[in-house]
N, C-alpha and C. Protein backbone atom coordinates (compact mmCIF):
# COMPACT_ATOMS: atom_id res chain seq x y z
N MET A 1 24.54 -49.07 -83.67
CA MET A 1 25.43 -48.54 -82.67
C MET A 1 24.23 -47.25 -81.83
N TYR A 2 23.94 -46.46 -82.97
CA TYR A 2 23.64 -45.21 -82.66
C TYR A 2 22.36 -45.23 -81.94
N GLY A 3 21.37 -46.25 -82.61
CA GLY A 3 20.28 -46.85 -81.90
C GLY A 3 20.26 -47.33 -80.50
N THR A 4 21.82 -47.78 -79.91
CA THR A 4 21.70 -48.76 -78.78
C THR A 4 21.91 -46.95 -78.10
N VAL A 5 22.71 -46.49 -78.43
CA VAL A 5 23.02 -45.31 -77.84
C VAL A 5 21.58 -44.30 -77.54
N GLY A 6 20.81 -44.33 -78.31
CA GLY A 6 19.82 -43.92 -78.12
C GLY A 6 18.53 -44.19 -76.89
N TRP A 7 18.86 -45.69 -77.34
CA TRP A 7 18.09 -45.83 -75.92
C TRP A 7 18.63 -46.16 -74.47
N LEU A 8 19.58 -46.39 -74.53
CA LEU A 8 20.60 -45.93 -73.40
C LEU A 8 20.21 -44.66 -72.62
N ALA A 9 20.56 -43.95 -73.53
CA ALA A 9 19.89 -42.08 -73.26
C ALA A 9 18.79 -41.98 -72.91
N LEU A 10 17.68 -42.98 -73.37
CA LEU A 10 16.76 -42.66 -73.34
C LEU A 10 16.06 -43.01 -71.83
N LEU A 11 16.94 -43.95 -71.63
CA LEU A 11 16.92 -44.54 -70.31
C LEU A 11 17.10 -44.15 -69.19
N ALA A 12 18.37 -43.71 -69.50
CA ALA A 12 19.18 -42.29 -68.13
C ALA A 12 18.20 -41.23 -67.69
N LEU A 13 17.95 -40.71 -69.14
CA LEU A 13 17.01 -39.75 -69.04
C LEU A 13 15.25 -39.90 -67.90
N ALA A 14 14.90 -40.71 -68.73
CA ALA A 14 13.83 -41.27 -67.46
C ALA A 14 14.14 -41.81 -65.89
N LEU A 15 15.45 -42.91 -65.99
CA LEU A 15 15.50 -42.64 -64.41
C LEU A 15 15.99 -41.17 -63.64
N LEU A 16 17.00 -40.37 -65.01
CA LEU A 16 17.12 -39.26 -63.46
C LEU A 16 15.89 -38.31 -63.54
N PHE A 17 14.95 -38.39 -64.55
CA PHE A 17 13.35 -37.94 -64.11
C PHE A 17 12.69 -38.36 -62.89
N GLU A 18 12.82 -39.14 -62.90
CA GLU A 18 12.22 -40.10 -61.59
C GLU A 18 12.83 -40.07 -60.25
N LEU A 19 14.38 -39.82 -60.27
CA LEU A 19 14.65 -40.20 -58.92
C LEU A 19 14.44 -37.95 -58.91
N LEU A 20 14.48 -37.22 -59.84
CA LEU A 20 14.26 -35.84 -59.21
C LEU A 20 12.85 -35.42 -58.97
N ALA A 21 11.90 -36.08 -59.27
CA ALA A 21 10.59 -36.48 -59.11
C ALA A 21 10.46 -37.01 -57.48
N ARG A 22 11.31 -37.86 -56.96
CA ARG A 22 10.75 -38.52 -56.36
C ARG A 22 11.80 -37.97 -54.97
N LEU A 23 12.59 -37.17 -55.28
CA LEU A 23 13.65 -36.47 -54.24
C LEU A 23 12.99 -34.43 -53.76
N HIS A 24 11.32 -34.69 -54.93
CA HIS A 24 10.95 -33.57 -54.78
C HIS A 24 12.14 -32.28 -55.05
N LEU A 25 12.63 -32.25 -56.13
CA LEU A 25 13.26 -31.45 -56.50
C LEU A 25 12.85 -30.58 -57.62
N THR A 26 11.64 -31.34 -57.90
CA THR A 26 11.04 -30.22 -59.11
C THR A 26 9.32 -30.91 -58.67
N LYS A 27 8.34 -29.74 -59.41
CA LYS A 27 7.24 -30.12 -59.01
C LYS A 27 6.39 -31.15 -60.08
N THR A 28 7.13 -32.02 -59.97
CA THR A 28 6.17 -33.05 -61.58
C THR A 28 6.03 -34.49 -60.71
N SER A 29 4.96 -34.86 -61.13
CA SER A 29 4.84 -36.85 -60.93
C SER A 29 5.82 -37.60 -60.86
N THR A 30 6.21 -38.33 -60.16
CA THR A 30 6.80 -39.67 -60.87
C THR A 30 6.02 -39.98 -62.10
N LEU A 31 6.58 -40.90 -62.58
CA LEU A 31 6.39 -41.76 -63.84
C LEU A 31 5.41 -42.68 -63.27
N GLY A 32 5.09 -43.39 -61.91
CA GLY A 32 4.31 -43.91 -61.70
C GLY A 32 2.91 -43.40 -61.90
N GLN A 33 2.92 -41.97 -61.15
CA GLN A 33 1.61 -41.41 -60.85
C GLN A 33 1.42 -40.78 -62.61
N PHE A 34 2.26 -40.56 -63.20
CA PHE A 34 1.65 -40.21 -64.67
C PHE A 34 1.40 -41.28 -65.57
N GLY A 35 2.08 -42.34 -65.32
CA GLY A 35 1.07 -43.31 -66.14
C GLY A 35 0.01 -44.15 -65.60
N ALA A 36 -0.53 -43.83 -64.22
CA ALA A 36 -1.48 -44.25 -63.78
C ALA A 36 -2.71 -43.32 -64.07
N THR A 37 -2.27 -41.77 -64.37
CA THR A 37 -3.03 -40.55 -64.68
C THR A 37 -3.78 -40.77 -66.17
N ILE A 38 -2.52 -41.35 -66.91
CA ILE A 38 -2.90 -41.59 -68.50
C ILE A 38 -3.67 -42.95 -68.71
N ALA A 39 -3.36 -44.00 -67.69
CA ALA A 39 -4.32 -44.85 -68.14
C ALA A 39 -5.88 -44.61 -67.44
N SER A 40 -6.11 -43.73 -66.94
CA SER A 40 -7.21 -43.65 -66.36
C SER A 40 -8.62 -43.41 -67.64
N ARG A 41 -8.10 -43.66 -68.25
CA ARG A 41 -9.11 -43.70 -69.26
C ARG A 41 -8.69 -43.96 -70.68
N LEU A 42 -9.75 -44.36 -71.18
CA LEU A 42 -9.85 -45.40 -72.28
C LEU A 42 -8.26 -44.73 -73.36
N PRO A 43 -8.58 -43.96 -74.22
CA PRO A 43 -7.43 -43.24 -75.08
C PRO A 43 -6.13 -43.12 -74.86
N GLY A 44 -6.14 -43.02 -73.23
CA GLY A 44 -4.86 -43.40 -72.67
C GLY A 44 -4.04 -44.54 -72.86
N ARG A 45 -5.15 -45.95 -72.28
CA ARG A 45 -4.53 -47.35 -72.27
C ARG A 45 -4.07 -47.54 -73.34
N VAL A 46 -4.84 -47.51 -74.75
CA VAL A 46 -4.97 -47.46 -75.88
C VAL A 46 -3.30 -46.73 -76.05
N LEU A 47 -3.06 -45.68 -75.90
CA LEU A 47 -1.95 -45.26 -76.33
C LEU A 47 -0.89 -45.87 -75.58
N LEU A 48 -0.75 -46.17 -74.46
CA LEU A 48 0.00 -46.78 -73.75
C LEU A 48 0.21 -48.37 -74.13
N VAL A 49 -0.70 -48.78 -74.72
CA VAL A 49 -0.37 -50.06 -75.32
C VAL A 49 0.26 -50.00 -76.71
N LEU A 50 0.20 -49.02 -77.35
CA LEU A 50 0.56 -48.86 -78.81
C LEU A 50 2.06 -48.42 -78.27
N LEU A 51 2.76 -47.48 -77.37
CA LEU A 51 3.87 -47.31 -77.26
C LEU A 51 4.64 -48.29 -76.75
N TRP A 52 3.70 -49.32 -75.62
CA TRP A 52 4.72 -50.72 -75.27
C TRP A 52 4.51 -51.98 -76.70
N ILE A 53 3.66 -51.88 -77.57
CA ILE A 53 4.39 -52.61 -78.43
C ILE A 53 4.97 -52.06 -79.89
N PHE A 54 5.53 -50.25 -79.78
CA PHE A 54 6.29 -50.13 -80.34
C PHE A 54 8.01 -50.47 -80.04
N VAL A 55 8.21 -50.09 -78.81
CA VAL A 55 8.94 -50.31 -77.99
C VAL A 55 9.43 -51.24 -78.22
N GLY A 56 8.37 -52.29 -78.23
CA GLY A 56 8.93 -54.12 -77.51
C GLY A 56 9.40 -54.54 -79.01
N VAL A 57 8.55 -53.79 -80.39
CA VAL A 57 8.76 -54.53 -81.37
C VAL A 57 10.60 -54.11 -82.03
N HIS A 58 10.90 -52.35 -81.51
CA HIS A 58 12.19 -52.29 -82.16
C HIS A 58 12.93 -52.86 -80.91
N LEU A 59 12.80 -52.94 -79.82
CA LEU A 59 13.78 -53.84 -78.98
C LEU A 59 14.24 -55.57 -79.65
N PHE A 60 13.02 -55.85 -80.03
CA PHE A 60 12.82 -57.39 -80.39
C PHE A 60 13.52 -57.70 -81.74
N ALA A 61 13.43 -56.72 -82.74
CA ALA A 61 13.89 -56.53 -83.93
C ALA A 61 15.81 -56.18 -83.73
N ARG A 62 15.58 -54.99 -82.69
CA ARG A 62 17.52 -54.91 -82.45
C ARG A 62 17.93 -55.82 -82.50
N TYR A 63 17.92 -56.45 -81.04
CA TYR A 63 18.50 -57.59 -80.61
C TYR A 63 18.20 -59.08 -80.29
N THR A 64 17.11 -59.31 -81.11
CA THR A 64 16.95 -60.54 -81.16
C THR A 64 17.03 -61.76 -82.95
N LEU A 65 17.13 -60.71 -83.43
CA LEU A 65 16.85 -60.94 -84.94
C LEU A 65 18.43 -60.78 -85.68
N PRO A 66 18.90 -61.93 -86.42
CA PRO A 66 19.86 -62.23 -86.63
C PRO A 66 20.73 -60.89 -88.01
N ARG A 67 21.71 -60.46 -87.79
CA ARG A 67 22.13 -59.80 -89.05
C ARG A 67 22.24 -60.19 -90.04
N HIS A 68 22.25 -59.34 -91.29
CA HIS A 68 22.66 -60.28 -92.80
C HIS A 68 23.69 -59.87 -92.96
């Protein structure tokens, strides 16, 4: 239960951050611009792939595997 609430809170925070950036209420870049900046170099691409694997495995393990 706490894990689900944590993932939903993280998603809501990311959406809020994106909305504020797109409305120019902050001087930060959007998540797409940030991702493009990170992915422009090899270490950033490796980090993004590892992050994608981490999130994917945790969400897969939490919501698709049967509980014993």
